[in-house]
């Protein structure tokens, strides 16, 4: 071979080696970037990707967080302080739903626009867990002032009854175990602790309510949020201010509620900390009852990261408010810890 040929071959070899080195470096950099991006969705130790879970209202997000802990990447969809019945998800929510491995919703006509968006954008293999229909049968549906039977949409606030929330937790645990069997023991352990806490809180509520004079165990609220809670603990639901179209009640409806408050002699009626109601304040004033505007039905107390910013904290705070206002003693609730059952930070993104 001529010297010129050898020189050309050497140049070719060097060029090829340079290209291979460049590709190796580029691939290495690309791999590092992917690993960095996946760090937020990797299980402890980086052994496997976390399940991406999207949920709707905050009580459901909290239950999923308690069970999934730091083994799932959890995002809440419905912002706190928003009317969950009328919430319309923005286009940006579609991207979250398109990445979700598991979508969890209440159902029973509560989050219809979000459920439709989830169905339209779900990726192949994604699972949808709609809790309400799996928890009660149609013959157990409750209809009331805010959810009249003629509309065909039952009251969806099952989670205000801790026993029904526990059934929600069972369905969530079962689905996480099915989808991520490698972390089944972790999910089962967290569920066991959560179940014990829910049962403990339930017994404390029973004892606290027993101190309320029987004639005072009446609930008139801003919204029909407690139709499953009431029967569980011996309260009679005597009315709600918000009608089925979520507008202000008519003058006739307001007059009827005022008369009902006078006749029942209920010591307090309950408004929302999140949704002020001048009408409810008027009803309380003219009916001779105290107006307590601190109840919540799906907005967790405190801020994300606070120990009380949980489903358990929500129920605990509502029961404490109701018990005091109706003349009972909250001693049975003292010492209950509403914080999440897992020790690690889950990194859950709560709706804001």
Protein backbone atom coordinates (compact mmCIF):
# COMPACT_ATOMS: atom_id res chain seq x y z
CA UNK A 1 0.00 0.00 0.00
CA UNK A 2 1.32 3.47 -0.84
CA UNK A 3 2.14 6.05 1.79
CA UNK A 4 -0.78 8.10 0.56
CA UNK A 5 -3.11 5.11 1.01
CA UNK A 6 -1.81 4.48 4.50
CA UNK A 7 -2.35 8.13 5.39
CA UNK A 8 -5.92 8.07 4.08
CA UNK A 9 -6.69 4.88 5.99
CA UNK A 10 -5.21 6.25 9.19
CA UNK A 11 -7.25 9.44 8.80
CA UNK A 12 -10.39 7.32 8.25
CA UNK A 13 -9.70 5.22 11.34
CA UNK A 14 -9.06 8.27 13.48
CA UNK A 15 -12.23 9.92 12.22
CA UNK A 16 -14.24 6.79 12.94
CA UNK A 17 -12.80 6.54 16.43
CA UNK A 18 -13.57 10.20 17.07
CA UNK A 19 -17.16 9.67 15.93
CA UNK A 20 -17.54 6.64 18.19
CA UNK A 21 -16.12 8.61 21.14
CA UNK A 22 -18.46 11.53 20.41
CA UNK A 23 -21.47 9.22 20.26
CA UNK A 24 -20.43 7.53 23.49
CA UNK A 25 -20.12 10.87 25.25
CA UNK A 26 -23.43 12.07 23.79
CA UNK A 27 -25.18 8.86 24.81
CA UNK A 28 -23.70 9.08 28.27
CA UNK A 29 -24.90 12.64 28.67
CA UNK A 30 -28.32 11.71 27.37
CA UNK A 31 -28.51 8.79 29.79
CA UNK A 32 -27.56 11.01 32.71
CA UNK A 33 -30.26 13.50 31.75
CA UNK A 34 -32.89 10.75 31.58
CA UNK A 35 -31.80 9.39 34.93
CA UNK A 36 -32.02 12.87 36.41
CA UNK A 37 -35.51 13.37 35.01
CA UNK A 38 -36.58 9.98 36.35
CA UNK A 39 -35.23 10.64 39.84
CA UNK A 40 -38.55 12.25 40.79
CA UNK A 41 -40.48 9.18 39.72
CA UNK A 42 -38.14 6.40 40.88
CA UNK A 43 -38.79 4.15 43.80
CA UNK A 44 -36.38 4.33 46.75
CA UNK A 45 -32.97 3.14 45.54
CA UNK A 46 -33.88 3.91 41.94
CA UNK A 47 -34.86 0.30 41.30
CA UNK A 48 -38.13 0.93 39.50
CA UNK A 49 -40.28 3.78 38.30
CA UNK A 50 -42.95 5.06 40.62
CA UNK A 51 -46.58 4.77 39.63
CA UNK A 52 -47.89 8.11 38.45
CA UNK A 53 -51.23 8.65 40.18
CA UNK A 54 -53.70 11.47 39.53
CA UNK A 55 -56.64 12.02 41.89
CA UNK A 56 -59.49 14.50 42.10
CA UNK A 57 -60.74 15.99 45.39
CA UNK A 58 -58.37 16.45 48.34
CA UNK A 59 -59.86 13.83 50.71
CA UNK A 60 -59.25 11.20 48.04
CA UNK A 61 -55.76 12.58 47.35
CA UNK A 62 -55.02 12.33 51.07
CA UNK A 63 -56.18 8.72 51.30
CA UNK A 64 -54.03 7.82 48.28
CA UNK A 65 -51.06 9.65 49.81
CA UNK A 66 -51.41 7.77 53.10
CA UNK A 67 -51.36 4.41 51.36
CA UNK A 68 -48.98 5.13 48.47
CA UNK A 69 -46.54 7.19 50.52
CA UNK A 70 -43.25 7.79 48.73
CA UNK A 71 -43.70 4.84 46.37
CA UNK A 72 -46.08 6.76 44.08
CA UNK A 73 -45.89 10.12 42.28
CA UNK A 74 -49.22 11.66 43.25
CA UNK A 75 -50.91 14.75 41.83
CA UNK A 76 -54.25 16.20 42.92
CA UNK A 77 -56.41 17.73 40.19
CA UNK A 78 -59.26 19.68 41.81
CA UNK A 79 -57.94 22.82 43.58
CA UNK A 80 -58.89 23.32 47.21
CA UNK A 81 -61.35 26.14 47.70
CA UNK A 82 -63.04 25.26 44.41
CA UNK A 83 -66.60 24.00 44.05
CA UNK A 84 -65.84 20.44 43.02
CA UNK A 85 -69.31 20.06 41.50
CA UNK A 86 -68.72 22.83 38.98
CA UNK A 87 -64.94 22.48 38.48
CA UNK A 88 -63.83 22.50 34.83
CA UNK A 89 -60.26 21.21 34.32
CA UNK A 90 -57.93 23.43 32.32
CA UNK A 91 -56.14 22.08 29.21
CA UNK A 92 -52.96 21.70 31.27
CA UNK A 93 -54.70 19.01 33.34
CA UNK A 94 -54.93 16.85 30.20
CA UNK A 95 -51.13 16.50 30.19
CA UNK A 96 -51.16 15.24 33.80
CA UNK A 97 -53.93 12.77 33.03
CA UNK A 98 -52.15 11.57 29.87
CA UNK A 99 -49.09 10.59 31.96
CA UNK A 100 -51.03 8.95 34.80
CA UNK A 101 -50.77 5.20 35.30
CA UNK A 102 -53.73 5.39 37.67
CA UNK A 103 -56.57 7.91 37.83
CA UNK A 104 -58.70 7.98 41.01
CA UNK A 105 -62.03 9.81 41.23
CA UNK A 106 -65.09 9.81 43.44
CA UNK A 107 -67.68 9.42 40.70
CA UNK A 108 -71.42 9.55 41.39
CA UNK A 109 -71.58 12.56 39.02
CA UNK A 110 -69.17 14.67 41.10
CA UNK A 111 -66.27 15.23 38.67
CA UNK A 112 -67.81 14.51 35.27
CA UNK A 113 -65.68 16.96 33.20
CA UNK A 114 -62.46 15.64 34.75
CA UNK A 115 -63.49 12.00 34.27
CA UNK A 116 -64.31 12.68 30.62
CA UNK A 117 -60.93 14.34 30.15
CA UNK A 118 -59.18 11.40 31.80
CA UNK A 119 -60.98 8.93 29.52
CA UNK A 120 -60.10 10.97 26.44
CA UNK A 121 -56.40 11.29 27.32
CA UNK A 122 -55.51 8.06 29.10
CA UNK A 123 -52.44 6.24 27.89
CA UNK A 124 -52.40 2.58 26.98
CA UNK A 125 -52.52 0.39 30.05
CA UNK A 126 -53.66 3.14 32.42
CA UNK A 127 -56.24 2.23 35.07
CA UNK A 128 -59.23 4.25 36.27
CA UNK A 129 -60.56 3.74 39.80
CA UNK A 130 -63.98 5.34 40.37
CA UNK A 131 -64.63 4.88 44.07
CA UNK A 132 -68.27 5.82 44.70
CA UNK A 133 -69.97 3.11 42.61
CA UNK A 134 -67.59 0.50 44.06
CA UNK A 135 -68.49 1.56 47.61
CA UNK A 136 -72.28 1.87 47.67
CA UNK A 137 -74.98 0.34 45.49
CA UNK A 138 -77.64 2.35 43.70
CA UNK A 139 -80.27 1.45 46.29
CA UNK A 140 -78.03 3.13 48.89
CA UNK A 141 -77.92 6.45 47.05
CA UNK A 142 -79.01 9.46 49.11
CA UNK A 143 -81.06 12.32 47.65
CA UNK A 144 -81.72 15.62 49.42
CA UNK A 145 -82.20 19.37 48.96
CA UNK A 146 -78.94 19.86 47.04
CA UNK A 147 -79.29 16.57 45.19
CA UNK A 148 -83.01 15.96 44.46
CA UNK A 149 -84.12 12.57 43.23
CA UNK A 150 -85.71 14.01 40.09
CA UNK A 151 -82.26 15.04 38.85
CA UNK A 152 -81.01 11.48 39.19
CA UNK A 153 -77.68 12.52 40.73
CA UNK A 154 -77.13 11.19 44.28
CA UNK A 155 -75.25 12.99 46.99
CA UNK A 156 -71.61 12.04 46.35
CA UNK A 157 -70.02 13.06 49.70
CA UNK A 158 -69.42 9.53 50.93
CA UNK A 159 -66.05 10.36 52.51
CA UNK A 160 -67.64 12.37 55.35
CA UNK A 161 -68.53 8.97 56.86
CA UNK A 162 -65.17 7.50 57.98
CA UNK A 163 -66.45 3.96 57.46
CA UNK A 164 -67.14 4.71 53.79
CA UNK A 165 -63.76 6.45 53.53
CA UNK A 166 -62.21 3.24 54.85
CA UNK A 167 -63.84 1.38 51.95
CA UNK A 168 -62.33 3.96 49.61
CA UNK A 169 -58.95 3.20 51.18
CA UNK A 170 -59.46 -0.53 50.63
CA UNK A 171 -60.12 0.01 46.92
CA UNK A 172 -57.08 2.28 46.60
CA UNK A 173 -54.84 -0.21 48.43
CA UNK A 174 -56.08 -3.08 46.27
CA UNK A 175 -55.44 -1.17 43.04
CA UNK A 176 -51.93 -0.09 44.05
CA UNK A 177 -51.07 -3.66 45.04
CA UNK A 178 -52.44 -4.96 41.75
CA UNK A 179 -50.46 -2.47 39.69
CA UNK A 180 -47.26 -2.51 41.75
CA UNK A 181 -46.89 -5.89 43.41
CA UNK A 182 -43.22 -5.24 44.27
CA UNK A 183 -44.36 -2.66 46.83
CA UNK A 184 -47.38 -4.61 48.09
CA UNK A 185 -45.99 -5.02 51.61
CA UNK A 186 -45.41 -1.26 51.89
CA UNK A 187 -48.93 -0.44 50.70
CA UNK A 188 -50.46 -3.05 53.00
CA UNK A 189 -48.52 -1.76 56.01
CA UNK A 190 -49.60 1.82 55.37
CA UNK A 191 -53.19 0.73 54.86
CA UNK A 192 -53.12 -1.22 58.13
CA UNK A 193 -52.01 1.87 60.04
CA UNK A 194 -54.51 4.10 58.25
CA UNK A 195 -57.33 1.64 58.95
CA UNK A 196 -56.44 1.61 62.65
CA UNK A 197 -56.48 5.41 62.73
CA UNK A 198 -59.84 5.65 60.96
CA UNK A 199 -61.40 3.13 63.35
CA UNK A 200 -59.90 4.96 66.33
CA UNK A 201 -61.29 8.30 65.09
CA UNK A 202 -64.69 6.72 64.49
CA UNK A 203 -64.90 5.56 68.11
CA UNK A 204 -63.76 8.94 69.37
CA UNK A 205 -66.47 10.65 67.29
CA UNK A 206 -69.12 8.34 68.76
CA UNK A 207 -68.02 9.27 72.29
CA UNK A 208 -67.86 13.01 71.50
CA UNK A 209 -71.31 13.06 69.87
CA UNK A 210 -72.79 11.20 72.83
CA UNK A 211 -72.09 14.30 74.94
CA UNK A 212 -74.27 16.51 72.70
CA UNK A 213 -77.82 16.82 74.10
CA UNK A 214 -80.01 14.58 71.97
CA UNK A 215 -82.35 17.42 71.03
CA UNK A 216 -79.37 19.37 69.65
CA UNK A 217 -78.16 16.69 67.27
CA UNK A 218 -79.48 18.55 64.24
CA UNK A 219 -77.50 19.69 61.21
CA UNK A 220 -78.39 22.57 58.93
CA UNK A 221 -75.44 23.35 56.67
CA UNK A 222 -74.41 25.49 53.72
CA UNK A 223 -74.39 22.42 51.46
CA UNK A 224 -75.68 18.87 51.76
CA UNK A 225 -72.25 17.42 52.55
CA UNK A 226 -73.07 15.24 55.54
CA UNK A 227 -75.87 12.84 54.54
CA UNK A 228 -73.71 9.78 55.22
CA UNK A 229 -71.99 11.27 58.28
CA UNK A 230 -75.31 12.22 59.92
CA UNK A 231 -76.95 8.79 60.14
CA UNK A 232 -73.66 7.19 61.17
CA UNK A 233 -73.44 9.35 64.29
CA UNK A 234 -77.08 10.00 65.11
CA UNK A 235 -77.57 13.46 63.63
CA UNK A 236 -80.76 14.51 61.86
CA UNK A 237 -80.07 16.50 58.69
CA UNK A 238 -82.72 19.22 58.76
CA UNK A 239 -81.68 21.18 55.69
CA UNK A 240 -79.09 22.89 53.53
CA UNK A 241 -78.93 26.35 51.99
CA UNK A 242 -77.37 25.51 48.63
CA UNK A 243 -79.96 24.16 46.15
CA UNK A 244 -79.26 21.67 43.38
CA UNK A 245 -78.12 24.30 40.87
CA UNK A 246 -75.62 25.68 43.43
CA UNK A 247 -77.15 29.16 43.38
CA UNK A 248 -78.58 31.16 46.26
CA UNK A 249 -81.91 29.81 47.59
CA UNK A 250 -85.15 31.59 46.71
CA UNK A 251 -86.89 33.93 49.16
CA UNK A 252 -89.49 31.22 49.84
CA UNK A 253 -86.77 28.64 50.58
CA UNK A 254 -85.01 31.07 52.92
CA UNK A 255 -88.27 31.75 54.80
CA UNK A 256 -88.88 28.02 55.16
CA UNK A 257 -85.39 27.45 56.55
CA UNK A 258 -85.78 30.29 59.05
CA UNK A 259 -89.03 28.76 60.27
CA UNK A 260 -87.37 25.35 60.50
CA UNK A 261 -84.56 26.75 62.65
CA UNK A 262 -87.06 28.44 64.96
CA UNK A 263 -89.17 25.32 65.37
CA UNK A 264 -86.24 22.97 65.94
CA UNK A 265 -84.48 25.41 68.30
CA UNK A 266 -81.16 24.14 66.99
CA UNK A 267 -78.40 26.08 68.78
CA UNK A 268 -76.17 26.51 65.72
CA UNK A 269 -76.19 26.22 61.94
CA UNK A 270 -73.06 25.69 59.93
CA UNK A 271 -71.48 27.61 57.09
CA UNK A 272 -68.27 27.09 55.16
CA UNK A 273 -64.92 28.68 55.85
CA UNK A 274 -64.25 28.52 52.12
CA UNK A 275 -67.63 29.68 50.73
CA UNK A 276 -69.09 32.61 52.72
CA UNK A 277 -72.89 32.72 52.81
CA UNK A 278 -74.66 35.96 53.82
CA UNK A 279 -77.94 34.11 53.33
CA UNK A 280 -77.03 31.47 55.89
CA UNK A 281 -75.95 34.18 58.30
CA UNK A 282 -79.38 35.81 57.83
CA UNK A 283 -81.13 32.49 58.46
CA UNK A 284 -79.18 32.01 61.68
CA UNK A 285 -79.86 35.55 62.89
CA UNK A 286 -83.59 35.48 62.18
CA UNK A 287 -83.96 31.89 63.37
CA UNK A 288 -82.24 32.57 66.70
CA UNK A 289 -79.23 30.27 66.15
CA UNK A 290 -75.48 30.81 66.24
CA UNK A 291 -73.83 30.97 62.82
CA UNK A 292 -70.63 28.91 62.68
CA UNK A 293 -68.85 29.43 59.35
CA UNK A 294 -65.94 27.02 59.73
CA UNK A 295 -67.00 23.65 58.29
CA UNK A 296 -65.26 22.05 55.32
CA UNK A 297 -66.30 19.12 53.18
CA UNK A 298 -63.36 18.62 50.82
CA UNK A 299 -60.81 21.31 51.76
CA UNK A 300 -58.18 20.03 54.14
CA UNK A 301 -57.25 22.17 57.15
CA UNK A 302 -53.85 23.84 57.29
CA UNK A 303 -51.38 23.89 54.44
CA UNK A 304 -49.68 21.05 52.51
CA UNK A 305 -47.07 19.55 54.80
CA UNK A 306 -48.94 20.43 58.00
CA UNK A 307 -49.83 17.38 60.15
CA UNK A 308 -53.53 18.31 60.06
CA UNK A 309 -53.62 18.71 56.26
CA UNK A 310 -55.08 15.22 55.80
CA UNK A 311 -58.40 13.46 55.41
CA UNK A 312 -58.23 12.54 59.09
CA UNK A 313 -57.56 16.17 59.99
CA UNK A 314 -60.60 17.26 57.97
CA UNK A 315 -63.01 14.95 59.78
CA UNK A 316 -61.43 15.63 63.18
CA UNK A 317 -61.78 19.40 62.76
CA UNK A 318 -65.37 19.24 61.49
CA UNK A 319 -66.46 17.03 64.40
CA UNK A 320 -64.74 19.30 66.91
CA UNK A 321 -66.54 22.35 65.47
CA UNK A 322 -69.94 20.62 65.36
CA UNK A 323 -69.63 19.17 68.86
CA UNK A 324 -68.72 22.46 70.53
CA UNK A 325 -71.40 24.45 68.67
CA UNK A 326 -74.15 21.98 69.60
CA UNK A 327 -73.26 21.88 73.30
CA UNK A 328 -71.07 18.78 73.53
CA UNK A 329 -67.62 18.02 74.89
CA UNK A 330 -64.63 17.28 72.64
CA UNK A 331 -62.47 15.56 75.24
CA UNK A 332 -62.71 12.24 73.41
CA UNK A 333 -61.00 13.82 70.40
CA UNK A 334 -58.00 15.07 72.38
CA UNK A 335 -54.71 13.41 71.56
CA UNK A 336 -55.76 12.03 68.19
CA UNK A 337 -52.95 12.35 65.64
CA UNK A 338 -54.31 13.16 62.14
CA UNK A 339 -50.90 13.22 60.45
CA UNK A 340 -50.06 10.80 57.60
CA UNK A 341 -49.24 7.25 58.62
CA UNK A 342 -45.91 7.08 56.75
CA UNK A 343 -42.78 8.81 58.01
CA UNK A 344 -41.19 9.82 54.71
CA UNK A 345 -42.21 12.86 52.70
CA UNK A 346 -44.40 11.53 49.90
CA UNK A 347 -43.88 14.48 47.61
CA UNK A 348 -47.59 14.50 46.85
CA UNK A 349 -48.76 17.55 44.90
CA UNK A 350 -52.01 18.77 46.45
CA UNK A 351 -54.52 20.80 44.44
CA UNK A 352 -54.19 24.52 45.23
